[in-house]
Amino acid sequence: MQNSLDKISSLLNSTNTQKGASKSGGDFSKVLENSLSEVNKLQQNSEKAMADMATGEVKDLHQAAIAIDKAELSMKMMLEVRNKALNAYKEIARTQI
């Protein structure tokens, strides 16, 4: 998840220094797509860890708990990003021209 934040912040820094805005649109969509796939992967790892805990097949309880926490935090962050994007869209929609 930290890698995703680093990618987003570096993308924002690079778009602030670039003159052309058309190139940054494709980069942002790739970062967003990669972030979503990472969140999905963490969710799948969390589900597997929970299933292993339920069946008693867990080898390291701490690693399972860490996987579950990572998935929870990444999902919360993705929801906050979605909420911010929706709020920005609503604010733009309310803007009078």
PDB file of N, CA and C in Angstrom:
ATOM      1  N   MET A   1       0.828  -1.183   0.000  1.00  0.00           N
ATOM      2  CA  MET A   1       0.000   0.000   0.000  1.00  0.00           C
ATOM      3  C   MET A   1       0.875   1.251   0.000  1.00  0.00           C
ATOM      4  N   GLN A   2       1.994   1.223   0.738  1.00  0.00           N
ATOM      5  CA  GLN A   2       2.888   2.364   0.748  1.00  0.00           C
ATOM      6  C   GLN A   2       3.449   2.618  -0.644  1.00  0.00           C
ATOM      7  N   ASN A   3       3.709   1.545  -1.392  1.00  0.00           N
ATOM      8  CA  ASN A   3       4.199   1.709  -2.758  1.00  0.00           C
ATOM      9  C   ASN A   3       3.182   2.451  -3.606  1.00  0.00           C
ATOM     10  N   SER A   4       1.902   2.149  -3.408  1.00  0.00           N
ATOM     11  CA  SER A   4       0.859   2.842  -4.163  1.00  0.00           C
ATOM     12  C   SER A   4       0.833   4.319  -3.823  1.00  0.00           C
ATOM     13  N   LEU A   5       0.994   4.638  -2.535  1.00  0.00           N
ATOM     14  CA  LEU A   5       1.007   6.036  -2.133  1.00  0.00           C
ATOM     15  C   LEU A   5       2.212   6.757  -2.716  1.00  0.00           C
ATOM     16  N   ASP A   6       3.353   6.076  -2.734  1.00  0.00           N
ATOM     17  CA  ASP A   6       4.543   6.671  -3.322  1.00  0.00           C
ATOM     18  C   ASP A   6       4.347   6.917  -4.815  1.00  0.00           C
ATOM     19  N   LYS A   7       3.722   5.943  -5.499  1.00  0.00           N
ATOM     20  CA  LYS A   7       3.476   6.100  -6.929  1.00  0.00           C
ATOM     21  C   LYS A   7       2.549   7.280  -7.196  1.00  0.00           C
ATOM     22  N   ILE A   8       1.497   7.404  -6.377  1.00  0.00           N
ATOM     23  CA  ILE A   8       0.546   8.495  -6.574  1.00  0.00           C
ATOM     24  C   ILE A   8       1.209   9.836  -6.304  1.00  0.00           C
ATOM     25  N   SER A   9       1.987   9.932  -5.224  1.00  0.00           N
ATOM     26  CA  SER A   9       2.633  11.205  -4.919  1.00  0.00           C
ATOM     27  C   SER A   9       3.680  11.570  -5.966  1.00  0.00           C
ATOM     28  N   SER A  10       4.427  10.580  -6.462  1.00  0.00           N
ATOM     29  CA  SER A  10       5.407  10.889  -7.514  1.00  0.00           C
ATOM     30  C   SER A  10       4.701  11.287  -8.810  1.00  0.00           C
ATOM     31  N   LEU A  11       3.551  10.670  -9.073  1.00  0.00           N
ATOM     32  CA  LEU A  11       2.788  11.040 -10.262  1.00  0.00           C
ATOM     33  C   LEU A  11       2.281  12.470 -10.149  1.00  0.00           C
ATOM     34  N   LEU A  12       1.796  12.833  -8.968  1.00  0.00           N
ATOM     35  CA  LEU A  12       1.313  14.198  -8.774  1.00  0.00           C
ATOM     36  C   LEU A  12       2.448  15.197  -8.910  1.00  0.00           C
ATOM     37  N   ASN A  13       3.615  14.871  -8.376  1.00  0.00           N
ATOM     38  CA  ASN A  13       4.765  15.766  -8.500  1.00  0.00           C
ATOM     39  C   ASN A  13       5.187  15.912  -9.955  1.00  0.00           C
ATOM     40  N   SER A  14       5.174  14.820 -10.695  1.00  0.00           N
ATOM     41  CA  SER A  14       5.595  14.892 -12.094  1.00  0.00           C
ATOM     42  C   SER A  14       4.572  15.632 -12.951  1.00  0.00           C
ATOM     43  N   THR A  15       3.288  15.511 -12.634  1.00  0.00           N
ATOM     44  CA  THR A  15       2.284  16.220 -13.428  1.00  0.00           C
ATOM     45  C   THR A  15       2.307  17.701 -13.127  1.00  0.00           C
ATOM     46  N   ASN A  16       2.712  18.061 -11.906  1.00  0.00           N
ATOM     47  CA  ASN A  16       2.815  19.488 -11.593  1.00  0.00           C
ATOM     48  C   ASN A  16       3.958  20.134 -12.367  1.00  0.00           C
ATOM     49  N   THR A  17       4.996  19.365 -12.687  1.00  0.00           N
ATOM     50  CA  THR A  17       6.129  19.929 -13.404  1.00  0.00           C
ATOM     51  C   THR A  17       5.978  19.818 -14.915  1.00  0.00           C
ATOM     52  N   GLN A  18       5.078  18.953 -15.386  1.00  0.00           N
ATOM     53  CA  GLN A  18       4.897  18.778 -16.825  1.00  0.00           C
ATOM     54  C   GLN A  18       4.007  19.877 -17.383  1.00  0.00           C
ATOM     55  N   LYS A  19       4.236  20.207 -18.635  1.00  0.00           N
ATOM     56  CA  LYS A  19       3.397  21.201 -19.307  1.00  0.00           C
ATOM     57  C   LYS A  19       2.165  20.555 -19.932  1.00  0.00           C
ATOM     58  N   GLY A  20       2.301  19.330 -20.466  1.00  0.00           N
ATOM     59  CA  GLY A  20       1.193  18.670 -21.160  1.00  0.00           C
ATOM     60  C   GLY A  20       0.335  17.873 -20.205  1.00  0.00           C
ATOM     61  N   ALA A  21      -0.957  18.176 -20.142  1.00  0.00           N
ATOM     62  CA  ALA A  21      -1.862  17.474 -19.239  1.00  0.00           C
ATOM     63  C   ALA A  21      -2.411  16.196 -19.863  1.00  0.00           C
ATOM     64  N   SER A  22      -2.344  16.062 -21.167  1.00  0.00           N
ATOM     65  CA  SER A  22      -2.934  14.896 -21.814  1.00  0.00           C
ATOM     66  C   SER A  22      -2.155  13.625 -21.484  1.00  0.00           C
ATOM     67  N   LYS A  23      -0.862  13.719 -21.304  1.00  0.00           N
ATOM     68  CA  LYS A  23      -0.057  12.541 -20.991  1.00  0.00           C
ATOM     69  C   LYS A  23      -0.322  12.041 -19.575  1.00  0.00           C
ATOM     70  N   SER A  24      -0.605  12.938 -18.630  1.00  0.00           N
ATOM     71  CA  SER A  24      -0.798  12.541 -17.237  1.00  0.00           C
ATOM     72  C   SER A  24      -2.086  11.748 -17.041  1.00  0.00           C
ATOM     73  N   GLY A  25      -3.075  11.892 -17.895  1.00  0.00           N
ATOM     74  CA  GLY A  25      -4.332  11.165 -17.747  1.00  0.00           C
ATOM     75  C   GLY A  25      -4.149   9.674 -17.846  1.00  0.00           C
ATOM     76  N   GLY A  26      -3.344   9.222 -18.788  1.00  0.00           N
ATOM     77  CA  GLY A  26      -3.090   7.797 -18.932  1.00  0.00           C
ATOM     78  C   GLY A  26      -2.293   7.244 -17.762  1.00  0.00           C
ATOM     79  N   ASP A  27      -1.339   8.032 -17.242  1.00  0.00           N
ATOM     80  CA  ASP A  27      -0.540   7.594 -16.110  1.00  0.00           C
ATOM     81  C   ASP A  27      -1.399   7.417 -14.863  1.00  0.00           C
ATOM     82  N   PHE A  28      -2.299   8.356 -14.633  1.00  0.00           N
ATOM     83  CA  PHE A  28      -3.151   8.266 -13.454  1.00  0.00           C
ATOM     84  C   PHE A  28      -4.053   7.045 -13.519  1.00  0.00           C
ATOM     85  N   SER A  29      -4.585   6.756 -14.684  1.00  0.00           N
ATOM     86  CA  SER A  29      -5.465   5.590 -14.798  1.00  0.00           C
ATOM     87  C   SER A  29      -4.682   4.301 -14.552  1.00  0.00           C
ATOM     88  N   LYS A  30      -3.425   4.264 -14.992  1.00  0.00           N
ATOM     89  CA  LYS A  30      -2.601   3.082 -14.731  1.00  0.00           C
ATOM     90  C   LYS A  30      -2.306   2.924 -13.247  1.00  0.00           C
ATOM     91  N   VAL A  31      -2.006   4.033 -12.575  1.00  0.00           N
ATOM     92  CA  VAL A  31      -1.747   3.985 -11.129  1.00  0.00           C
ATOM     93  C   VAL A  31      -2.998   3.528 -10.392  1.00  0.00           C
ATOM     94  N   LEU A  32      -4.137   4.052 -10.800  1.00  0.00           N
ATOM     95  CA  LEU A  32      -5.396   3.660 -10.166  1.00  0.00           C
ATOM     96  C   LEU A  32      -5.702   2.185 -10.406  1.00  0.00           C
ATOM     97  N   GLU A  33      -5.484   1.732 -11.626  1.00  0.00           N
ATOM     98  CA  GLU A  33      -5.722   0.324 -11.953  1.00  0.00           C
ATOM     99  C   GLU A  33      -4.778  -0.588 -11.162  1.00  0.00           C
ATOM    100  N   ASN A  34      -3.513  -0.214 -11.061  1.00  0.00           N
ATOM    101  CA  ASN A  34      -2.558  -1.004 -10.291  1.00  0.00           C
ATOM    102  C   ASN A  34      -2.921  -1.030  -8.807  1.00  0.00           C
ATOM    103  N   SER A  35      -3.382   0.099  -8.296  1.00  0.00           N
ATOM    104  CA  SER A  35      -3.789   0.163  -6.894  1.00  0.00           C
ATOM    105  C   SER A  35      -4.993  -0.742  -6.630  1.00  0.00           C
ATOM    106  N   LEU A  36      -5.945  -0.737  -7.546  1.00  0.00           N
ATOM    107  CA  LEU A  36      -7.118  -1.592  -7.386  1.00  0.00           C
ATOM    108  C   LEU A  36      -6.736  -3.072  -7.438  1.00  0.00           C
ATOM    109  N   SER A  37      -5.827  -3.417  -8.325  1.00  0.00           N
ATOM    110  CA  SER A  37      -5.412  -4.824  -8.398  1.00  0.00           C
ATOM    111  C   SER A  37      -4.631  -5.226  -7.152  1.00  0.00           C
ATOM    112  N   GLU A  38      -3.854  -4.294  -6.594  1.00  0.00           N
ATOM    113  CA  GLU A  38      -3.132  -4.597  -5.355  1.00  0.00           C
ATOM    114  C   GLU A  38      -4.092  -4.791  -4.191  1.00  0.00           C
ATOM    115  N   VAL A  39      -5.121  -3.947  -4.108  1.00  0.00           N
ATOM    116  CA  VAL A  39      -6.132  -4.099  -3.056  1.00  0.00           C
ATOM    117  C   VAL A  39      -6.846  -5.433  -3.210  1.00  0.00           C
ATOM    118  N   ASN A  40      -7.167  -5.802  -4.439  1.00  0.00           N
ATOM    119  CA  ASN A  40      -7.820  -7.088  -4.697  1.00  0.00           C
ATOM    120  C   ASN A  40      -6.932  -8.251  -4.256  1.00  0.00           C
ATOM    121  N   LYS A  41      -5.642  -8.160  -4.570  1.00  0.00           N
ATOM    122  CA  LYS A  41      -4.711  -9.218  -4.189  1.00  0.00           C
ATOM    123  C   LYS A  41      -4.606  -9.336  -2.667  1.00  0.00           C
ATOM    124  N   LEU A  42      -4.572  -8.196  -1.981  1.00  0.00           N
ATOM    125  CA  LEU A  42      -4.512  -8.216  -0.523  1.00  0.00           C
ATOM    126  C   LEU A  42      -5.793  -8.801   0.076  1.00  0.00           C
ATOM    127  N   GLN A  43      -6.934  -8.498  -0.541  1.00  0.00           N
ATOM    128  CA  GLN A  43      -8.201  -9.056  -0.068  1.00  0.00           C
ATOM    129  C   GLN A  43      -8.223 -10.572  -0.233  1.00  0.00           C
ATOM    130  N   GLN A  44      -7.709 -11.063  -1.350  1.00  0.00           N
ATOM    131  CA  GLN A  44      -7.655 -12.509  -1.570  1.00  0.00           C
ATOM    132  C   GLN A  44      -6.718 -13.184  -0.573  1.00  0.00           C
ATOM    133  N   ASN A  45      -5.581 -12.567  -0.287  1.00  0.00           N
ATOM    134  CA  ASN A  45      -4.663 -13.118   0.714  1.00  0.00           C
ATOM    135  C   ASN A  45      -5.317 -13.144   2.092  1.00  0.00           C
ATOM    136  N   SER A  46      -6.083 -12.115   2.395  1.00  0.00           N
ATOM    137  CA  SER A  46      -6.772 -12.044   3.679  1.00  0.00           C
ATOM    138  C   SER A  46      -7.820 -13.146   3.798  1.00  0.00           C
ATOM    139  N   GLU A  47      -8.575 -13.364   2.728  1.00  0.00           N
ATOM    140  CA  GLU A  47      -9.589 -14.422   2.751  1.00  0.00           C
ATOM    141  C   GLU A  47      -8.954 -15.792   2.921  1.00  0.00           C
ATOM    142  N   LYS A  48      -7.816 -16.009   2.278  1.00  0.00           N
ATOM    143  CA  LYS A  48      -7.112 -17.279   2.418  1.00  0.00           C
ATOM    144  C   LYS A  48      -6.596 -17.448   3.842  1.00  0.00           C
ATOM    145  N   ALA A  49      -6.077 -16.370   4.427  1.00  0.00           N
ATOM    146  CA  ALA A  49      -5.579 -16.431   5.801  1.00  0.00           C
ATOM    147  C   ALA A  49      -6.712 -16.723   6.779  1.00  0.00           C
ATOM    148  N   MET A  50      -7.881 -16.114   6.555  1.00  0.00           N
ATOM    149  CA  MET A  50      -9.028 -16.380   7.434  1.00  0.00           C
ATOM    150  C   MET A  50      -9.511 -17.822   7.285  1.00  0.00           C
ATOM    151  N   ALA A  51      -9.506 -18.327   6.060  1.00  0.00           N
ATOM    152  CA  ALA A  51      -9.915 -19.715   5.844  1.00  0.00           C
ATOM    153  C   ALA A  51      -8.928 -20.670   6.497  1.00  0.00           C
ATOM    154  N   ASP A  52      -7.639 -20.361   6.398  1.00  0.00           N
ATOM    155  CA  ASP A  52      -6.630 -21.200   7.046  1.00  0.00           C
ATOM    156  C   ASP A  52      -6.773 -21.171   8.564  1.00  0.00           C
ATOM    157  N   MET A  53      -7.103 -20.013   9.108  1.00  0.00           N
ATOM    158  CA  MET A  53      -7.317 -19.923  10.554  1.00  0.00           C
ATOM    159  C   MET A  53      -8.538 -20.731  10.969  1.00  0.00           C
ATOM    160  N   ALA A  54      -9.588 -20.682  10.166  1.00  0.00           N
ATOM    161  CA  ALA A  54     -10.818 -21.398  10.507  1.00  0.00           C
ATOM    162  C   ALA A  54     -10.629 -22.912  10.452  1.00  0.00           C
ATOM    163  N   THR A  55      -9.800 -23.372   9.521  1.00  0.00           N
ATOM    164  CA  THR A  55      -9.589 -24.817   9.379  1.00  0.00           C
ATOM    165  C   THR A  55      -8.423 -25.329  10.209  1.00  0.00           C
ATOM    166  N   GLY A  56      -7.677 -24.419  10.838  1.00  0.00           N
ATOM    167  CA  GLY A  56      -6.550 -24.826  11.660  1.00  0.00           C
ATOM    168  C   GLY A  56      -5.290 -25.099  10.868  1.00  0.00           C
ATOM    169  N   GLU A  57      -5.252 -24.698   9.620  1.00  0.00           N
ATOM    170  CA  GLU A  57      -4.093 -24.940   8.768  1.00  0.00           C
ATOM    171  C   GLU A  57      -3.086 -23.792   8.802  1.00  0.00           C
ATOM    172  N   VAL A  58      -3.325 -22.797   9.635  1.00  0.00           N
ATOM    173  CA  VAL A  58      -2.443 -21.641   9.683  1.00  0.00           C
ATOM    174  C   VAL A  58      -1.097 -22.041  10.294  1.00  0.00           C
ATOM    175  N   LYS A  59      -0.020 -21.611   9.649  1.00  0.00           N
ATOM    176  CA  LYS A  59       1.318 -21.935  10.119  1.00  0.00           C
ATOM    177  C   LYS A  59       1.841 -20.861  11.054  1.00  0.00           C
ATOM    178  N   ASP A  60       1.564 -19.620  10.729  1.00  0.00           N
ATOM    179  CA  ASP A  60       2.028 -18.509  11.546  1.00  0.00           C
ATOM    180  C   ASP A  60       0.855 -17.560  11.773  1.00  0.00           C
ATOM    181  N   LEU A  61       0.383 -17.521  12.992  1.00  0.00           N
ATOM    182  CA  LEU A  61      -0.792 -16.722  13.323  1.00  0.00           C
ATOM    183  C   LEU A  61      -0.526 -15.230  13.117  1.00  0.00           C
ATOM    184  N   HIS A  62       0.694 -14.801  13.422  1.00  0.00           N
ATOM    185  CA  HIS A  62       1.020 -13.386  13.268  1.00  0.00           C
ATOM    186  C   HIS A  62       0.972 -12.958  11.803  1.00  0.00           C
ATOM    187  N   GLN A  63       1.488 -13.793  10.924  1.00  0.00           N
ATOM    188  CA  GLN A  63       1.462 -13.454   9.498  1.00  0.00           C
ATOM    189  C   GLN A  63       0.030 -13.395   8.978  1.00  0.00           C
ATOM    190  N   ALA A  64      -0.821 -14.281   9.478  1.00  0.00           N
ATOM    191  CA  ALA A  64      -2.225 -14.258   9.071  1.00  0.00           C
ATOM    192  C   ALA A  64      -2.899 -12.976   9.549  1.00  0.00           C
ATOM    193  N   ALA A  65      -2.610 -12.579  10.788  1.00  0.00           N
ATOM    194  CA  ALA A  65      -3.193 -11.347  11.320  1.00  0.00           C
ATOM    195  C   ALA A  65      -2.689 -10.131  10.552  1.00  0.00           C
ATOM    196  N   ILE A  66      -1.422 -10.137  10.167  1.00  0.00           N
ATOM    197  CA  ILE A  66      -0.861  -9.032   9.402  1.00  0.00           C
ATOM    198  C   ILE A  66      -1.517  -8.955   8.023  1.00  0.00           C
ATOM    199  N   ALA A  67      -1.728 -10.095   7.393  1.00  0.00           N
ATOM    200  CA  ALA A  67      -2.376 -10.110   6.074  1.00  0.00           C
ATOM    201  C   ALA A  67      -3.792  -9.550   6.162  1.00  0.00           C
ATOM    202  N   ILE A  68      -4.507  -9.901   7.215  1.00  0.00           N
ATOM    203  CA  ILE A  68      -5.875  -9.404   7.400  1.00  0.00           C
ATOM    204  C   ILE A  68      -5.866  -7.896   7.636  1.00  0.00           C
ATOM    205  N   ASP A  69      -4.932  -7.411   8.455  1.00  0.00           N
ATOM    206  CA  ASP A  69      -4.844  -5.975   8.724  1.00  0.00           C
ATOM    207  C   ASP A  69      -4.454  -5.187   7.476  1.00  0.00           C
ATOM    208  N   LYS A  70      -3.531  -5.720   6.692  1.00  0.00           N
ATOM    209  CA  LYS A  70      -3.138  -5.045   5.446  1.00  0.00           C
ATOM    210  C   LYS A  70      -4.336  -4.902   4.518  1.00  0.00           C
ATOM    211  N   ALA A  71      -5.118  -5.966   4.395  1.00  0.00           N
ATOM    212  CA  ALA A  71      -6.293  -5.924   3.523  1.00  0.00           C
ATOM    213  C   ALA A  71      -7.311  -4.908   4.030  1.00  0.00           C
ATOM    214  N   GLU A  72      -7.504  -4.871   5.336  1.00  0.00           N
ATOM    215  CA  GLU A  72      -8.469  -3.931   5.905  1.00  0.00           C
ATOM    216  C   GLU A  72      -8.035  -2.483   5.679  1.00  0.00           C
ATOM    217  N   LEU A  73      -6.765  -2.199   5.925  1.00  0.00           N
ATOM    218  CA  LEU A  73      -6.270  -0.838   5.749  1.00  0.00           C
ATOM    219  C   LEU A  73      -6.282  -0.407   4.281  1.00  0.00           C
ATOM    220  N   SER A  74      -5.930  -1.320   3.390  1.00  0.00           N
ATOM    221  CA  SER A  74      -5.932  -0.962   1.972  1.00  0.00           C
ATOM    222  C   SER A  74      -7.354  -0.699   1.485  1.00  0.00           C
ATOM    223  N   MET A  75      -8.308  -1.456   1.988  1.00  0.00           N
ATOM    224  CA  MET A  75      -9.701  -1.230   1.593  1.00  0.00           C
ATOM    225  C   MET A  75     -10.196   0.110   2.135  1.00  0.00           C
ATOM    226  N   LYS A  76      -9.839   0.433   3.365  1.00  0.00           N
ATOM    227  CA  LYS A  76     -10.246   1.723   3.931  1.00  0.00           C
ATOM    228  C   LYS A  76      -9.651   2.882   3.137  1.00  0.00           C
ATOM    229  N   MET A  77      -8.390   2.731   2.742  1.00  0.00           N
ATOM    230  CA  MET A  77      -7.766   3.794   1.960  1.00  0.00           C
ATOM    231  C   MET A  77      -8.437   3.945   0.602  1.00  0.00           C
ATOM    232  N   MET A  78      -8.744   2.823  -0.046  1.00  0.00           N
ATOM    233  CA  MET A  78      -9.387   2.887  -1.353  1.00  0.00           C
ATOM    234  C   MET A  78     -10.775   3.522  -1.227  1.00  0.00           C
ATOM    235  N   LEU A  79     -11.484   3.241  -0.157  1.00  0.00           N
ATOM    236  CA  LEU A  79     -12.792   3.868   0.054  1.00  0.00           C
ATOM    237  C   LEU A  79     -12.653   5.369   0.260  1.00  0.00           C
ATOM    238  N   GLU A  80     -11.604   5.789   0.969  1.00  0.00           N
ATOM    239  CA  GLU A  80     -11.387   7.220   1.165  1.00  0.00           C
ATOM    240  C   GLU A  80     -11.035   7.911  -0.152  1.00  0.00           C
ATOM    241  N   VAL A  81     -10.243   7.254  -0.983  1.00  0.00           N
ATOM    242  CA  VAL A  81      -9.923   7.818  -2.301  1.00  0.00           C
ATOM    243  C   VAL A  81     -11.196   7.960  -3.119  1.00  0.00           C
ATOM    244  N   ARG A  82     -12.042   6.941  -3.075  1.00  0.00           N
ATOM    245  CA  ARG A  82     -13.318   7.006  -3.803  1.00  0.00           C
ATOM    246  C   ARG A  82     -14.188   8.146  -3.281  1.00  0.00           C
ATOM    247  N   ASN A  83     -14.259   8.281  -1.953  1.00  0.00           N
ATOM    248  CA  ASN A  83     -15.076   9.343  -1.364  1.00  0.00           C
ATOM    249  C   ASN A  83     -14.560  10.723  -1.767  1.00  0.00           C
ATOM    250  N   LYS A  84     -13.244  10.890  -1.771  1.00  0.00           N
ATOM    251  CA  LYS A  84     -12.675  12.176  -2.172  1.00  0.00           C
ATOM    252  C   LYS A  84     -12.965  12.468  -3.640  1.00  0.00           C
ATOM    253  N   ALA A  85     -12.870  11.457  -4.474  1.00  0.00           N
ATOM    254  CA  ALA A  85     -13.153  11.648  -5.896  1.00  0.00           C
ATOM    255  C   ALA A  85     -14.624  12.021  -6.114  1.00  0.00           C
ATOM    256  N   LEU A  86     -15.516  11.362  -5.396  1.00  0.00           N
ATOM    257  CA  LEU A  86     -16.939  11.686  -5.516  1.00  0.00           C
ATOM    258  C   LEU A  86     -17.239  13.094  -5.013  1.00  0.00           C
ATOM    259  N   ASN A  87     -16.608  13.477  -3.912  1.00  0.00           N
ATOM    260  CA  ASN A  87     -16.810  14.827  -3.396  1.00  0.00           C
ATOM    261  C   ASN A  87     -16.288  15.871  -4.377  1.00  0.00           C
ATOM    262  N   ALA A  88     -15.153  15.599  -5.003  1.00  0.00           N
ATOM    263  CA  ALA A  88     -14.613  16.529  -5.997  1.00  0.00           C
ATOM    264  C   ALA A  88     -15.550  16.637  -7.190  1.00  0.00           C
ATOM    265  N   TYR A  89     -16.093  15.502  -7.638  1.00  0.00           N
ATOM    266  CA  TYR A  89     -17.033  15.513  -8.752  1.00  0.00           C
ATOM    267  C   TYR A  89     -18.278  16.324  -8.416  1.00  0.00           C
ATOM    268  N   LYS A  90     -18.811  16.126  -7.201  1.00  0.00           N
ATOM    269  CA  LYS A  90     -20.002  16.869  -6.790  1.00  0.00           C
ATOM    270  C   LYS A  90     -19.717  18.356  -6.707  1.00  0.00           C
ATOM    271  N   GLU A  91     -18.525  18.704  -6.225  1.00  0.00           N
ATOM    272  CA  GLU A  91     -18.160  20.119  -6.137  1.00  0.00           C
ATOM    273  C   GLU A  91     -18.050  20.733  -7.520  1.00  0.00           C
ATOM    274  N   ILE A  92     -17.475  20.011  -8.452  1.00  0.00           N
ATOM    275  CA  ILE A  92     -17.368  20.512  -9.832  1.00  0.00           C
ATOM    276  C   ILE A  92     -18.755  20.647 -10.449  1.00  0.00           C
ATOM    277  N   ALA A  93     -19.635  19.697 -10.172  1.00  0.00           N
ATOM    278  CA  ALA A  93     -20.993  19.744 -10.719  1.00  0.00           C
ATOM    279  C   ALA A  93     -21.766  20.941 -10.184  1.00  0.00           C
ATOM    280  N   ARG A  94     -21.478  21.358  -8.964  1.00  0.00           N
ATOM    281  CA  ARG A  94     -22.175  22.504  -8.362  1.00  0.00           C
ATOM    282  C   ARG A  94     -21.632  23.844  -8.854  1.00  0.00           C
ATOM    283  N   THR A  95     -20.455  23.841  -9.458  1.00  0.00           N
ATOM    284  CA  THR A  95     -19.830  25.070  -9.910  1.00  0.00           C
ATOM    285  C   THR A  95     -20.629  25.695 -11.035  1.00  0.00           C
ATOM    286  N   GLN A  96     -20.952  26.954 -10.872  1.00  0.00           N
ATOM    287  CA  GLN A  96     -21.701  27.662 -11.908  1.00  0.00           C
ATOM    288  C   GLN A  96     -20.737  28.266 -12.916  1.00  0.00           C
ATOM    289  N   ILE A  97     -21.142  28.177 -14.169  1.00  0.00           N
ATOM    290  CA  ILE A  97     -20.287  28.727 -15.227  1.00  0.00           C
ATOM    291  C   ILE A  97     -20.837  30.039 -15.695  1.00  0.00           C
TER     292      ILE A  97
END
